[in-house]
N, C-alpha and C. Protein backbone atom coordinates (compact mmCIF):
# COMPACT_ATOMS: atom_id res chain seq x y z
N MET A 1 0.84 -1.19 0.00
CA MET A 1 0.00 0.00 0.00
C MET A 1 0.88 1.25 0.00
N LYS A 2 0.35 2.31 -0.59
CA LYS A 2 1.02 3.60 -0.67
C LYS A 2 0.09 4.65 -0.08
N LYS A 3 0.58 5.89 0.03
CA LYS A 3 -0.24 6.97 0.57
C LYS A 3 -0.12 8.20 -0.30
N ILE A 4 -1.24 8.92 -0.41
CA ILE A 4 -1.25 10.23 -1.05
C ILE A 4 -1.77 11.22 -0.02
N TYR A 5 -1.58 12.50 -0.29
CA TYR A 5 -1.92 13.52 0.69
C TYR A 5 -2.76 14.62 0.03
N ILE A 6 -3.88 14.89 0.64
CA ILE A 6 -4.78 15.94 0.18
C ILE A 6 -4.64 17.09 1.16
N ILE A 7 -4.36 18.27 0.62
CA ILE A 7 -4.06 19.42 1.46
C ILE A 7 -5.07 20.53 1.19
N GLN A 8 -5.84 20.87 2.20
CA GLN A 8 -6.71 22.05 2.13
C GLN A 8 -5.88 23.22 2.62
N MET A 9 -5.96 24.36 1.90
CA MET A 9 -5.12 25.51 2.25
C MET A 9 -5.91 26.81 2.19
N HIS A 10 -5.35 27.80 2.87
CA HIS A 10 -5.79 29.18 2.70
C HIS A 10 -4.55 30.06 2.81
N SER A 11 -4.25 30.76 1.70
CA SER A 11 -3.02 31.54 1.62
C SER A 11 -3.18 32.99 2.03
N GLY A 12 -4.42 33.48 2.06
CA GLY A 12 -4.64 34.88 2.39
C GLY A 12 -4.52 35.81 1.21
N THR A 13 -4.31 35.28 0.00
CA THR A 13 -4.27 36.12 -1.20
C THR A 13 -5.67 36.69 -1.46
N ILE A 14 -5.76 37.70 -2.29
CA ILE A 14 -7.07 38.28 -2.61
C ILE A 14 -7.99 37.23 -3.24
N PRO A 15 -7.54 36.46 -4.25
CA PRO A 15 -8.43 35.42 -4.78
C PRO A 15 -8.87 34.41 -3.70
N ALA A 16 -7.95 34.03 -2.81
CA ALA A 16 -8.29 33.09 -1.74
C ALA A 16 -9.34 33.68 -0.81
N LYS A 17 -9.21 34.96 -0.50
CA LYS A 17 -10.20 35.62 0.35
C LYS A 17 -11.56 35.67 -0.32
N LEU A 18 -11.59 35.89 -1.63
CA LEU A 18 -12.87 35.90 -2.36
C LEU A 18 -13.52 34.52 -2.34
N VAL A 19 -12.74 33.48 -2.56
CA VAL A 19 -13.27 32.11 -2.51
C VAL A 19 -13.82 31.83 -1.11
N ARG A 20 -13.11 32.25 -0.09
CA ARG A 20 -13.55 32.04 1.29
C ARG A 20 -14.88 32.74 1.55
N ILE A 21 -15.03 33.95 1.03
CA ILE A 21 -16.29 34.69 1.19
C ILE A 21 -17.44 33.94 0.53
N PHE A 22 -17.23 33.47 -0.70
CA PHE A 22 -18.31 32.79 -1.43
C PHE A 22 -18.64 31.42 -0.87
N THR A 23 -17.64 30.71 -0.34
CA THR A 23 -17.91 29.36 0.17
C THR A 23 -18.23 29.34 1.66
N GLY A 24 -17.79 30.35 2.38
CA GLY A 24 -17.99 30.36 3.82
C GLY A 24 -17.14 29.32 4.53
N TYR A 25 -16.09 28.85 3.88
CA TYR A 25 -15.26 27.79 4.44
C TYR A 25 -13.86 28.30 4.74
N LYS A 26 -13.27 27.77 5.78
CA LYS A 26 -11.95 28.20 6.26
C LYS A 26 -10.86 28.06 5.21
N TYR A 27 -10.94 27.00 4.40
CA TYR A 27 -9.91 26.73 3.41
C TYR A 27 -10.44 27.02 2.00
N SER A 28 -9.64 27.73 1.22
CA SER A 28 -10.08 28.19 -0.09
C SER A 28 -9.43 27.43 -1.25
N HIS A 29 -8.55 26.51 -0.94
CA HIS A 29 -7.77 25.84 -1.98
C HIS A 29 -7.53 24.40 -1.56
N VAL A 30 -7.32 23.54 -2.54
CA VAL A 30 -6.97 22.15 -2.27
C VAL A 30 -5.90 21.71 -3.25
N SER A 31 -4.97 20.91 -2.76
CA SER A 31 -3.89 20.42 -3.61
C SER A 31 -3.55 18.98 -3.23
N LEU A 32 -2.68 18.40 -4.00
CA LEU A 32 -2.29 17.01 -3.83
C LEU A 32 -0.79 16.92 -3.65
N SER A 33 -0.36 16.03 -2.78
CA SER A 33 1.06 15.70 -2.67
C SER A 33 1.19 14.18 -2.70
N LEU A 34 2.28 13.72 -3.27
CA LEU A 34 2.51 12.28 -3.35
C LEU A 34 3.49 11.80 -2.27
N ASN A 35 3.96 12.74 -1.44
CA ASN A 35 4.91 12.40 -0.38
C ASN A 35 4.44 12.95 0.95
N LYS A 36 4.77 12.24 2.02
CA LYS A 36 4.32 12.65 3.35
C LYS A 36 4.86 14.00 3.78
N ASP A 37 6.03 14.39 3.29
CA ASP A 37 6.56 15.69 3.68
C ASP A 37 5.79 16.85 3.03
N CYS A 38 5.00 16.55 2.02
CA CYS A 38 4.12 17.54 1.37
C CYS A 38 4.86 18.80 0.93
N ASP A 39 6.14 18.67 0.61
CA ASP A 39 6.91 19.84 0.19
C ASP A 39 6.74 20.16 -1.29
N LYS A 40 6.09 19.28 -2.02
CA LYS A 40 5.78 19.51 -3.43
C LYS A 40 4.30 19.19 -3.62
N THR A 41 3.56 20.19 -4.12
CA THR A 41 2.13 20.01 -4.28
C THR A 41 1.72 20.26 -5.72
N TYR A 42 0.61 19.62 -6.12
CA TYR A 42 0.06 19.75 -7.46
C TYR A 42 -1.36 20.28 -7.35
N SER A 43 -1.67 21.25 -8.20
CA SER A 43 -3.01 21.82 -8.16
C SER A 43 -3.22 22.70 -9.39
N PHE A 44 -4.27 23.51 -9.34
CA PHE A 44 -4.51 24.54 -10.34
C PHE A 44 -4.60 25.86 -9.61
N GLY A 45 -3.83 26.81 -10.09
CA GLY A 45 -3.79 28.13 -9.49
C GLY A 45 -2.87 29.00 -10.30
N ARG A 46 -2.34 30.01 -9.65
CA ARG A 46 -1.46 30.95 -10.36
C ARG A 46 -0.15 30.27 -10.73
N ILE A 47 0.37 30.68 -11.89
CA ILE A 47 1.64 30.16 -12.37
C ILE A 47 2.79 31.05 -11.91
N LYS A 48 2.59 32.35 -11.95
CA LYS A 48 3.60 33.32 -11.50
C LYS A 48 3.14 33.88 -10.16
N VAL A 49 4.03 33.97 -9.21
CA VAL A 49 3.68 34.35 -7.84
C VAL A 49 2.98 35.71 -7.77
N ASN A 50 3.35 36.64 -8.62
CA ASN A 50 2.78 37.99 -8.54
C ASN A 50 1.64 38.24 -9.52
N ASN A 51 1.15 37.19 -10.20
CA ASN A 51 0.09 37.38 -11.18
C ASN A 51 -1.01 36.34 -11.00
N PRO A 52 -2.10 36.69 -10.30
CA PRO A 52 -3.17 35.73 -10.09
C PRO A 52 -4.00 35.46 -11.35
N PHE A 53 -3.75 36.21 -12.43
CA PHE A 53 -4.55 36.05 -13.65
C PHE A 53 -3.87 35.17 -14.68
N ASN A 54 -2.71 34.64 -14.37
CA ASN A 54 -2.02 33.71 -15.25
C ASN A 54 -2.03 32.36 -14.54
N GLY A 55 -3.13 31.63 -14.72
CA GLY A 55 -3.30 30.40 -13.98
C GLY A 55 -3.27 29.16 -14.84
N GLY A 56 -2.99 28.04 -14.19
CA GLY A 56 -2.96 26.76 -14.87
C GLY A 56 -2.50 25.68 -13.91
N PHE A 57 -1.99 24.59 -14.47
CA PHE A 57 -1.48 23.49 -13.66
C PHE A 57 -0.26 23.98 -12.90
N SER A 58 -0.34 23.96 -11.59
CA SER A 58 0.75 24.52 -10.79
C SER A 58 1.41 23.44 -9.93
N ILE A 59 2.70 23.54 -9.88
CA ILE A 59 3.51 22.69 -9.01
C ILE A 59 4.21 23.65 -8.07
N GLU A 60 3.88 23.54 -6.80
CA GLU A 60 4.46 24.45 -5.81
C GLU A 60 5.37 23.68 -4.87
N HIS A 61 6.44 24.33 -4.48
CA HIS A 61 7.37 23.77 -3.50
C HIS A 61 7.28 24.61 -2.23
N LYS A 62 7.31 23.94 -1.10
CA LYS A 62 7.18 24.65 0.17
C LYS A 62 8.19 25.77 0.32
N ASN A 63 9.40 25.57 -0.19
CA ASN A 63 10.43 26.60 -0.09
C ASN A 63 10.53 27.44 -1.36
N GLY A 64 9.52 27.34 -2.24
CA GLY A 64 9.51 28.09 -3.50
C GLY A 64 8.98 29.50 -3.32
N PRO A 65 8.89 30.25 -4.42
CA PRO A 65 8.52 31.67 -4.35
C PRO A 65 7.10 31.94 -3.80
N PHE A 66 6.13 31.07 -4.12
CA PHE A 66 4.77 31.34 -3.65
C PHE A 66 4.69 31.29 -2.12
N PHE A 67 5.18 30.21 -1.53
CA PHE A 67 5.06 30.07 -0.07
C PHE A 67 6.10 30.90 0.68
N THR A 68 7.12 31.36 -0.02
CA THR A 68 8.03 32.33 0.59
C THR A 68 7.30 33.65 0.74
N LYS A 69 6.55 34.04 -0.29
CA LYS A 69 5.79 35.29 -0.24
C LYS A 69 4.57 35.17 0.67
N PHE A 70 3.83 34.06 0.54
CA PHE A 70 2.60 33.86 1.33
C PHE A 70 2.89 32.84 2.44
N ASN A 71 3.84 33.21 3.31
CA ASN A 71 4.34 32.28 4.32
C ASN A 71 3.42 32.11 5.53
N LYS A 72 2.29 32.77 5.51
CA LYS A 72 1.32 32.58 6.60
C LYS A 72 0.19 31.63 6.16
N THR A 73 0.41 30.91 5.07
CA THR A 73 -0.58 29.95 4.58
C THR A 73 -0.88 28.92 5.66
N ILE A 74 -2.18 28.72 5.90
CA ILE A 74 -2.61 27.67 6.84
C ILE A 74 -3.09 26.48 6.03
N CYS A 75 -3.06 25.32 6.68
CA CYS A 75 -3.46 24.12 5.94
C CYS A 75 -4.03 23.05 6.87
N ARG A 76 -4.63 22.11 6.23
CA ARG A 76 -5.12 20.90 6.88
C ARG A 76 -4.71 19.76 5.95
N ILE A 77 -3.95 18.81 6.46
CA ILE A 77 -3.40 17.74 5.62
C ILE A 77 -4.06 16.41 5.99
N PHE A 78 -4.49 15.72 4.94
CA PHE A 78 -5.12 14.41 5.08
C PHE A 78 -4.28 13.37 4.35
N GLU A 79 -4.21 12.20 4.94
CA GLU A 79 -3.51 11.07 4.35
C GLU A 79 -4.56 10.09 3.83
N LEU A 80 -4.30 9.52 2.66
CA LEU A 80 -5.22 8.53 2.09
C LEU A 80 -4.40 7.35 1.60
N GLU A 81 -4.71 6.18 2.15
CA GLU A 81 -4.00 4.97 1.75
C GLU A 81 -4.62 4.44 0.46
N VAL A 82 -3.76 4.10 -0.50
CA VAL A 82 -4.21 3.58 -1.80
C VAL A 82 -3.35 2.38 -2.18
N THR A 83 -3.85 1.58 -3.08
CA THR A 83 -3.06 0.44 -3.56
C THR A 83 -1.90 0.95 -4.41
N GLU A 84 -0.93 0.09 -4.61
CA GLU A 84 0.21 0.42 -5.48
C GLU A 84 -0.29 0.80 -6.87
N GLU A 85 -1.26 0.05 -7.38
CA GLU A 85 -1.80 0.30 -8.72
C GLU A 85 -2.45 1.68 -8.80
N LYS A 86 -3.24 2.05 -7.80
CA LYS A 86 -3.90 3.35 -7.80
C LYS A 86 -2.89 4.49 -7.63
N TYR A 87 -1.85 4.24 -6.85
CA TYR A 87 -0.79 5.23 -6.69
C TYR A 87 -0.10 5.46 -8.04
N GLU A 88 0.19 4.38 -8.74
CA GLU A 88 0.82 4.51 -10.06
C GLU A 88 -0.12 5.23 -11.03
N ASN A 89 -1.42 4.95 -10.94
CA ASN A 89 -2.39 5.64 -11.79
C ASN A 89 -2.31 7.16 -11.57
N ILE A 90 -2.35 7.56 -10.31
CA ILE A 90 -2.34 9.00 -10.01
C ILE A 90 -1.00 9.62 -10.39
N LYS A 91 0.07 8.89 -10.16
CA LYS A 91 1.40 9.39 -10.53
C LYS A 91 1.50 9.58 -12.05
N ASN A 92 0.97 8.64 -12.82
CA ASN A 92 1.00 8.74 -14.27
C ASN A 92 0.17 9.93 -14.77
N ILE A 93 -0.97 10.16 -14.16
CA ILE A 93 -1.82 11.31 -14.53
C ILE A 93 -1.06 12.61 -14.27
N ILE A 94 -0.48 12.72 -13.09
CA ILE A 94 0.27 13.93 -12.72
C ILE A 94 1.49 14.11 -13.63
N ASP A 95 2.23 13.02 -13.88
CA ASP A 95 3.40 13.11 -14.76
C ASP A 95 3.01 13.59 -16.15
N ASP A 96 1.90 13.08 -16.67
CA ASP A 96 1.44 13.49 -18.00
C ASP A 96 1.05 14.97 -18.02
N MET A 97 0.37 15.41 -16.97
CA MET A 97 -0.01 16.82 -16.90
C MET A 97 1.22 17.70 -16.79
N GLU A 98 2.21 17.25 -16.03
CA GLU A 98 3.44 18.03 -15.88
C GLU A 98 4.17 18.16 -17.22
N LYS A 99 4.22 17.08 -17.98
CA LYS A 99 4.88 17.11 -19.28
C LYS A 99 4.16 18.02 -20.27
N ASN A 100 2.86 18.18 -20.09
CA ASN A 100 2.04 18.96 -21.03
C ASN A 100 1.43 20.19 -20.36
N ARG A 101 2.14 20.77 -19.42
CA ARG A 101 1.65 21.89 -18.62
C ARG A 101 1.07 23.03 -19.43
N GLU A 102 1.67 23.32 -20.57
CA GLU A 102 1.25 24.48 -21.36
C GLU A 102 -0.17 24.36 -21.89
N LYS A 103 -0.73 23.17 -21.99
CA LYS A 103 -2.08 23.04 -22.53
C LYS A 103 -3.16 23.15 -21.45
N TYR A 104 -2.78 23.20 -20.18
CA TYR A 104 -3.75 23.29 -19.09
C TYR A 104 -3.86 24.73 -18.60
N LYS A 105 -5.09 25.18 -18.42
CA LYS A 105 -5.35 26.56 -18.00
C LYS A 105 -6.30 26.58 -16.81
N TYR A 106 -6.25 27.67 -16.08
CA TYR A 106 -7.18 27.87 -14.97
C TYR A 106 -8.54 28.24 -15.55
N ASP A 107 -9.60 27.72 -14.97
CA ASP A 107 -10.96 27.91 -15.48
C ASP A 107 -11.63 29.11 -14.81
N TYR A 108 -11.25 30.31 -15.24
CA TYR A 108 -11.82 31.54 -14.66
C TYR A 108 -13.31 31.64 -14.92
N LEU A 109 -13.76 31.32 -16.12
CA LEU A 109 -15.19 31.37 -16.44
C LEU A 109 -15.94 30.33 -15.61
N GLY A 110 -15.38 29.14 -15.55
CA GLY A 110 -16.04 28.05 -14.83
C GLY A 110 -16.23 28.33 -13.35
N ILE A 111 -15.28 29.00 -12.73
CA ILE A 111 -15.41 29.28 -11.30
C ILE A 111 -16.61 30.18 -11.05
N PHE A 112 -16.82 31.14 -11.94
CA PHE A 112 -17.99 32.02 -11.82
C PHE A 112 -19.29 31.24 -12.07
N LEU A 113 -19.30 30.41 -13.12
CA LEU A 113 -20.51 29.65 -13.45
C LEU A 113 -20.86 28.62 -12.38
N ARG A 114 -19.86 28.07 -11.71
CA ARG A 114 -20.13 27.10 -10.64
C ARG A 114 -20.93 27.74 -9.50
N PHE A 115 -20.60 28.99 -9.18
CA PHE A 115 -21.35 29.66 -8.11
C PHE A 115 -22.79 29.92 -8.53
N LEU A 116 -23.05 29.97 -9.82
CA LEU A 116 -24.42 30.11 -10.33
C LEU A 116 -25.09 28.75 -10.53
N ARG A 117 -24.37 27.69 -10.17
CA ARG A 117 -24.84 26.29 -10.28
C ARG A 117 -25.05 25.87 -11.73
N ILE A 118 -24.26 26.43 -12.64
CA ILE A 118 -24.31 26.05 -14.05
C ILE A 118 -23.18 25.05 -14.27
N PRO A 119 -23.53 23.79 -14.58
CA PRO A 119 -22.48 22.77 -14.75
C PRO A 119 -21.75 22.98 -16.06
N ILE A 120 -20.47 23.21 -15.94
CA ILE A 120 -19.66 23.38 -17.14
C ILE A 120 -18.28 22.78 -16.90
N SER A 121 -17.81 22.05 -17.89
CA SER A 121 -16.46 21.50 -17.84
C SER A 121 -15.83 21.76 -19.19
N LEU A 122 -14.81 22.58 -19.20
CA LEU A 122 -14.12 22.89 -20.44
C LEU A 122 -12.85 22.05 -20.53
N LYS A 123 -12.54 21.58 -21.71
CA LYS A 123 -11.38 20.71 -21.90
C LYS A 123 -10.10 21.40 -21.43
N ASN A 124 -9.38 20.70 -20.56
CA ASN A 124 -8.08 21.13 -20.06
C ASN A 124 -8.14 22.42 -19.24
N LYS A 125 -9.32 22.76 -18.73
CA LYS A 125 -9.45 23.92 -17.85
C LYS A 125 -10.02 23.45 -16.52
N TYR A 126 -9.36 23.87 -15.45
CA TYR A 126 -9.73 23.41 -14.12
C TYR A 126 -9.59 24.52 -13.09
N VAL A 127 -10.28 24.32 -11.97
CA VAL A 127 -9.97 25.00 -10.72
C VAL A 127 -9.43 23.90 -9.81
N CYS A 128 -8.88 24.28 -8.69
CA CYS A 128 -8.19 23.31 -7.83
C CYS A 128 -9.05 22.10 -7.46
N SER A 129 -10.26 22.35 -7.04
CA SER A 129 -11.09 21.27 -6.51
C SER A 129 -11.59 20.32 -7.59
N ASN A 130 -11.99 20.85 -8.76
CA ASN A 130 -12.45 19.90 -9.78
C ASN A 130 -11.27 19.16 -10.41
N PHE A 131 -10.09 19.78 -10.45
CA PHE A 131 -8.88 19.06 -10.89
C PHE A 131 -8.64 17.85 -10.00
N LEU A 132 -8.61 18.07 -8.69
CA LEU A 132 -8.30 16.97 -7.78
C LEU A 132 -9.40 15.91 -7.79
N ALA A 133 -10.65 16.33 -7.86
CA ALA A 133 -11.76 15.36 -7.93
C ALA A 133 -11.64 14.50 -9.17
N GLU A 134 -11.32 15.13 -10.29
CA GLU A 134 -11.19 14.38 -11.55
C GLU A 134 -9.98 13.44 -11.51
N VAL A 135 -8.88 13.88 -10.94
CA VAL A 135 -7.69 13.03 -10.84
C VAL A 135 -8.00 11.80 -9.96
N LEU A 136 -8.66 12.01 -8.84
CA LEU A 136 -9.02 10.89 -7.97
C LEU A 136 -9.94 9.90 -8.68
N GLU A 137 -10.86 10.44 -9.47
CA GLU A 137 -11.79 9.58 -10.21
C GLU A 137 -11.05 8.81 -11.32
N LYS A 138 -10.23 9.50 -12.10
CA LYS A 138 -9.50 8.84 -13.20
C LYS A 138 -8.54 7.78 -12.67
N ALA A 139 -8.00 7.97 -11.49
CA ALA A 139 -7.06 7.02 -10.89
C ALA A 139 -7.79 5.88 -10.17
N ASN A 140 -9.13 5.89 -10.22
CA ASN A 140 -9.97 4.87 -9.56
C ASN A 140 -9.78 4.87 -8.05
N ILE A 141 -9.60 6.07 -7.48
CA ILE A 141 -9.42 6.19 -6.03
C ILE A 141 -10.71 6.60 -5.35
N TYR A 142 -11.41 7.58 -5.91
CA TYR A 142 -12.65 8.05 -5.29
C TYR A 142 -13.51 8.77 -6.31
N LYS A 143 -14.82 8.55 -6.23
CA LYS A 143 -15.78 9.26 -7.08
C LYS A 143 -16.81 9.95 -6.19
N PHE A 144 -16.91 11.26 -6.34
CA PHE A 144 -17.91 12.02 -5.59
C PHE A 144 -19.29 11.74 -6.15
N ASN A 145 -20.31 12.05 -5.34
CA ASN A 145 -21.69 11.82 -5.78
C ASN A 145 -22.28 13.04 -6.49
N LYS A 146 -21.43 13.93 -6.96
CA LYS A 146 -21.85 15.06 -7.79
C LYS A 146 -20.78 15.31 -8.83
N LYS A 147 -21.10 16.11 -9.81
CA LYS A 147 -20.16 16.40 -10.89
C LYS A 147 -18.90 17.06 -10.34
N ALA A 148 -17.77 16.69 -10.94
CA ALA A 148 -16.48 17.24 -10.49
C ALA A 148 -16.46 18.76 -10.56
N CYS A 149 -17.20 19.35 -11.49
CA CYS A 149 -17.20 20.81 -11.61
C CYS A 149 -17.86 21.49 -10.40
N PHE A 150 -18.62 20.75 -9.61
CA PHE A 150 -19.28 21.33 -8.43
C PHE A 150 -18.55 21.02 -7.12
N ILE A 151 -17.44 20.31 -7.20
CA ILE A 151 -16.69 19.97 -5.98
C ILE A 151 -15.98 21.22 -5.46
N LYS A 152 -16.03 21.40 -4.14
CA LYS A 152 -15.37 22.51 -3.46
C LYS A 152 -14.31 21.93 -2.51
N PRO A 153 -13.36 22.74 -2.07
CA PRO A 153 -12.33 22.22 -1.16
C PRO A 153 -12.91 21.50 0.07
N LYS A 154 -14.01 21.97 0.60
CA LYS A 154 -14.62 21.34 1.77
C LYS A 154 -15.10 19.91 1.49
N ASP A 155 -15.51 19.63 0.25
CA ASP A 155 -16.06 18.32 -0.09
C ASP A 155 -15.09 17.17 0.12
N PHE A 156 -13.82 17.45 0.12
CA PHE A 156 -12.84 16.38 0.29
C PHE A 156 -12.91 15.77 1.68
N GLU A 157 -13.45 16.50 2.63
CA GLU A 157 -13.65 15.97 3.98
C GLU A 157 -14.61 14.80 4.00
N ASP A 158 -15.44 14.67 2.96
CA ASP A 158 -16.44 13.61 2.90
C ASP A 158 -15.85 12.24 2.56
N ILE A 159 -14.60 12.20 2.17
CA ILE A 159 -13.96 10.92 1.86
C ILE A 159 -13.67 10.23 3.18
N LYS A 160 -14.45 9.21 3.48
CA LYS A 160 -14.38 8.55 4.79
C LYS A 160 -13.00 7.96 5.11
N GLU A 161 -12.28 7.56 4.08
CA GLU A 161 -10.98 6.91 4.29
C GLU A 161 -9.86 7.90 4.62
N LEU A 162 -10.14 9.18 4.54
CA LEU A 162 -9.11 10.18 4.84
C LEU A 162 -8.77 10.18 6.32
N LYS A 163 -7.51 10.37 6.59
CA LYS A 163 -7.05 10.47 7.97
C LYS A 163 -6.36 11.83 8.12
N GLU A 164 -6.92 12.69 8.95
CA GLU A 164 -6.28 13.99 9.18
C GLU A 164 -4.99 13.77 9.95
N ILE A 165 -3.88 14.34 9.42
CA ILE A 165 -2.60 14.17 10.10
C ILE A 165 -2.01 15.48 10.59
N TYR A 166 -2.58 16.62 10.15
CA TYR A 166 -2.00 17.90 10.57
C TYR A 166 -2.98 19.02 10.27
N GLU A 167 -2.94 20.04 11.13
CA GLU A 167 -3.62 21.30 10.86
C GLU A 167 -2.78 22.40 11.46
N GLY A 168 -2.53 23.43 10.66
CA GLY A 168 -1.72 24.54 11.14
C GLY A 168 -1.00 25.24 10.01
N SER A 169 0.13 25.81 10.31
CA SER A 169 0.95 26.54 9.33
C SER A 169 1.56 25.53 8.34
N TYR A 170 1.37 25.82 7.05
CA TYR A 170 1.96 24.93 6.03
C TYR A 170 3.48 24.94 6.10
N ILE A 171 4.07 26.10 6.26
CA ILE A 171 5.53 26.23 6.31
C ILE A 171 6.10 25.44 7.49
N ASN A 172 5.36 25.37 8.59
CA ASN A 172 5.85 24.66 9.78
C ASN A 172 5.60 23.16 9.76
N TYR A 173 4.85 22.67 8.77
CA TYR A 173 4.57 21.23 8.70
C TYR A 173 5.83 20.46 8.31
N SER A 174 6.04 19.36 8.98
CA SER A 174 7.07 18.41 8.56
C SER A 174 6.51 17.02 8.83
N GLU A 175 7.04 16.04 8.14
CA GLU A 175 6.47 14.71 8.26
C GLU A 175 6.66 14.09 9.64
N ILE A 176 7.43 14.71 10.50
CA ILE A 176 7.59 14.16 11.86
C ILE A 176 6.49 14.65 12.80
N ASN A 177 5.61 15.52 12.31
CA ASN A 177 4.50 16.01 13.16
C ASN A 177 3.62 14.89 13.62
């Protein structure tokens, strides 16, 4: 068996604050890590630290420019045990997305339409939560009981097999917690 890590976050950026206002939830973002130290995360968000309007498939490092600038990011980390086969499935999906990063974009239109409850999924366009929901489904790990485009960061708490392992400052998290 292997483990993956689902991380709910709130960075305090203006977009994060807007998401928090609309959802009423403490965490405005969700990402995935394939290692317990969670120092490398995969999600959809800004590509350049100072430009929230240039979004797409993002790979963030704990000691990278984003978390250096937004070092007060809070998080909640969950561990999910998966089979070797499912771990390889998710790793292959992430590796493929990383190799083809330029074709993936942040779904600015979709985020607005989701709040209006209009189901829309555009090819290769995601927000953090529907990206992670779709990856979990494609890897045969978990399928939500609603469309991936309607999944919010809070919905990941509904996965019964999740084990919360940490809550607090993302920068201060280490796998020995």
